[in-house]
Protein backbone atom coordinates (compact mmCIF):
# COMPACT_ATOMS: atom_id res chain seq x y z
CA MET A 1 6.06 25.02 -13.97
CA LYS A 2 7.46 21.52 -14.25
CA ARG A 3 10.13 22.24 -11.65
CA ILE A 4 7.56 23.68 -9.21
CA ILE A 5 5.43 20.52 -9.43
CA GLU A 6 8.48 18.28 -8.94
CA ASP A 7 9.62 20.25 -5.89
CA THR A 8 6.12 20.35 -4.41
CA LYS A 9 5.74 16.61 -4.92
CA LEU A 10 9.06 15.99 -3.19
CA VAL A 11 8.01 18.16 -0.23
CA PHE A 12 4.73 16.25 0.09
CA VAL A 13 6.57 12.92 -0.05
CA PHE A 14 8.65 14.00 2.95
CA ILE A 15 5.54 15.31 4.72
CA SER A 16 3.81 11.98 4.07
CA ILE A 17 6.77 10.04 5.48
CA LEU A 18 6.81 12.23 8.58
CA THR A 19 3.04 11.83 8.95
CA ILE A 20 3.32 8.04 8.72
CA ILE A 21 6.01 7.98 11.41
CA LEU A 22 4.09 10.31 13.75
CA THR A 23 0.84 8.38 13.25
CA MET A 24 2.53 5.10 14.09
CA LEU A 25 4.10 6.60 17.21
CA SER A 26 0.76 8.03 18.27
CA THR A 27 -1.21 4.88 17.46
CA TYR A 28 1.06 2.70 19.58
CA HIS A 29 0.95 5.27 22.43
CA ILE A 30 4.68 5.94 22.30
CA LEU A 31 4.19 9.64 21.69
CA PRO A 32 0.74 11.08 22.48
CA LEU A 33 -0.14 13.46 19.66
CA LYS A 34 -3.67 14.77 19.33
CA TYR A 35 -3.81 15.19 15.55
CA PHE A 36 -2.24 11.86 14.63
CA ASN A 37 -4.70 9.47 16.31
CA SER A 38 -6.32 8.42 13.03
CA TYR A 39 -5.11 7.52 9.56
CA LEU A 40 -6.80 10.50 7.91
CA ASN A 41 -3.53 12.44 7.77
CA ILE A 42 -1.83 9.56 5.97
CA GLU A 43 -4.67 9.37 3.46
CA LEU A 44 -4.48 13.12 2.81
CA GLY A 45 -0.73 12.94 2.27
CA ILE A 46 -1.06 10.05 -0.17
CA LEU A 47 -3.90 11.82 -1.96
CA ILE A 48 -1.98 15.06 -2.48
CA THR A 49 1.22 13.24 -3.49
CA ALA A 50 -0.66 11.05 -5.97
CA VAL A 51 -2.43 14.03 -7.54
CA LEU A 52 0.88 15.85 -7.95
CA GLY A 53 2.42 12.72 -9.42
CA ALA A 54 -0.43 12.42 -11.93
CA ILE A 55 -0.03 16.07 -12.93
CA GLN A 56 3.71 15.55 -13.32
CA THR A 57 3.11 12.49 -15.52
CA LEU A 58 0.59 14.39 -17.65
CA GLN A 59 3.15 17.14 -18.27
CA SER A 60 5.83 14.63 -19.26
CA LYS A 61 6.98 14.52 -22.87
CA ASN A 62 6.81 10.71 -22.87
CA ARG A 63 3.22 10.63 -21.67
CA GLY A 64 2.32 7.57 -23.76
CA LYS A 65 5.18 5.62 -22.24
CA TYR A 66 3.89 6.18 -18.69
CA LYS A 67 0.22 5.29 -19.13
CA THR A 68 0.40 2.55 -16.49
CA VAL A 69 2.05 4.92 -14.00
CA LEU A 70 -0.68 7.48 -14.61
CA LEU A 71 -3.33 4.80 -14.22
CA LEU A 72 -1.81 3.69 -10.89
CA TYR A 73 -1.66 7.27 -9.64
CA MET A 74 -5.30 7.80 -10.52
CA LEU A 75 -6.32 4.50 -8.88
CA MET A 76 -4.55 5.62 -5.70
CA VAL A 77 -6.35 8.96 -5.81
CA PHE A 78 -9.79 7.44 -6.33
CA GLY A 79 -9.13 4.72 -3.75
CA SER A 80 -8.03 7.27 -1.17
CA LEU A 81 -11.01 9.50 -1.93
CA PHE A 82 -13.36 6.52 -1.62
CA PHE A 83 -12.03 5.61 1.82
CA MET A 84 -12.13 9.25 2.95
CA ILE A 85 -15.75 9.58 1.86
CA MET A 86 -16.65 6.29 3.57
CA LYS A 87 -14.86 7.60 6.71
CA VAL A 88 -12.51 4.62 6.91
CA TYR A 89 -9.53 6.04 8.76
């Protein structure tokens, strides 16, 4: 289970990087892409990656050692959710 979460997190990191690049290209009208005109895709990528990172940290054996990392992941998740609910993208 641990390996599946690590691999899924890595895949979503690459998807997030690709989404950031495509959104920037679309925002600056270099490459017109319909689905990358707003920052919602970036927020979704960060949200999913942060949730997977928090789950990975919770499953870690040294969970007490990484409390600040877990706190940062959760702050990113709640911050991203807040901006998605407020429709800031």
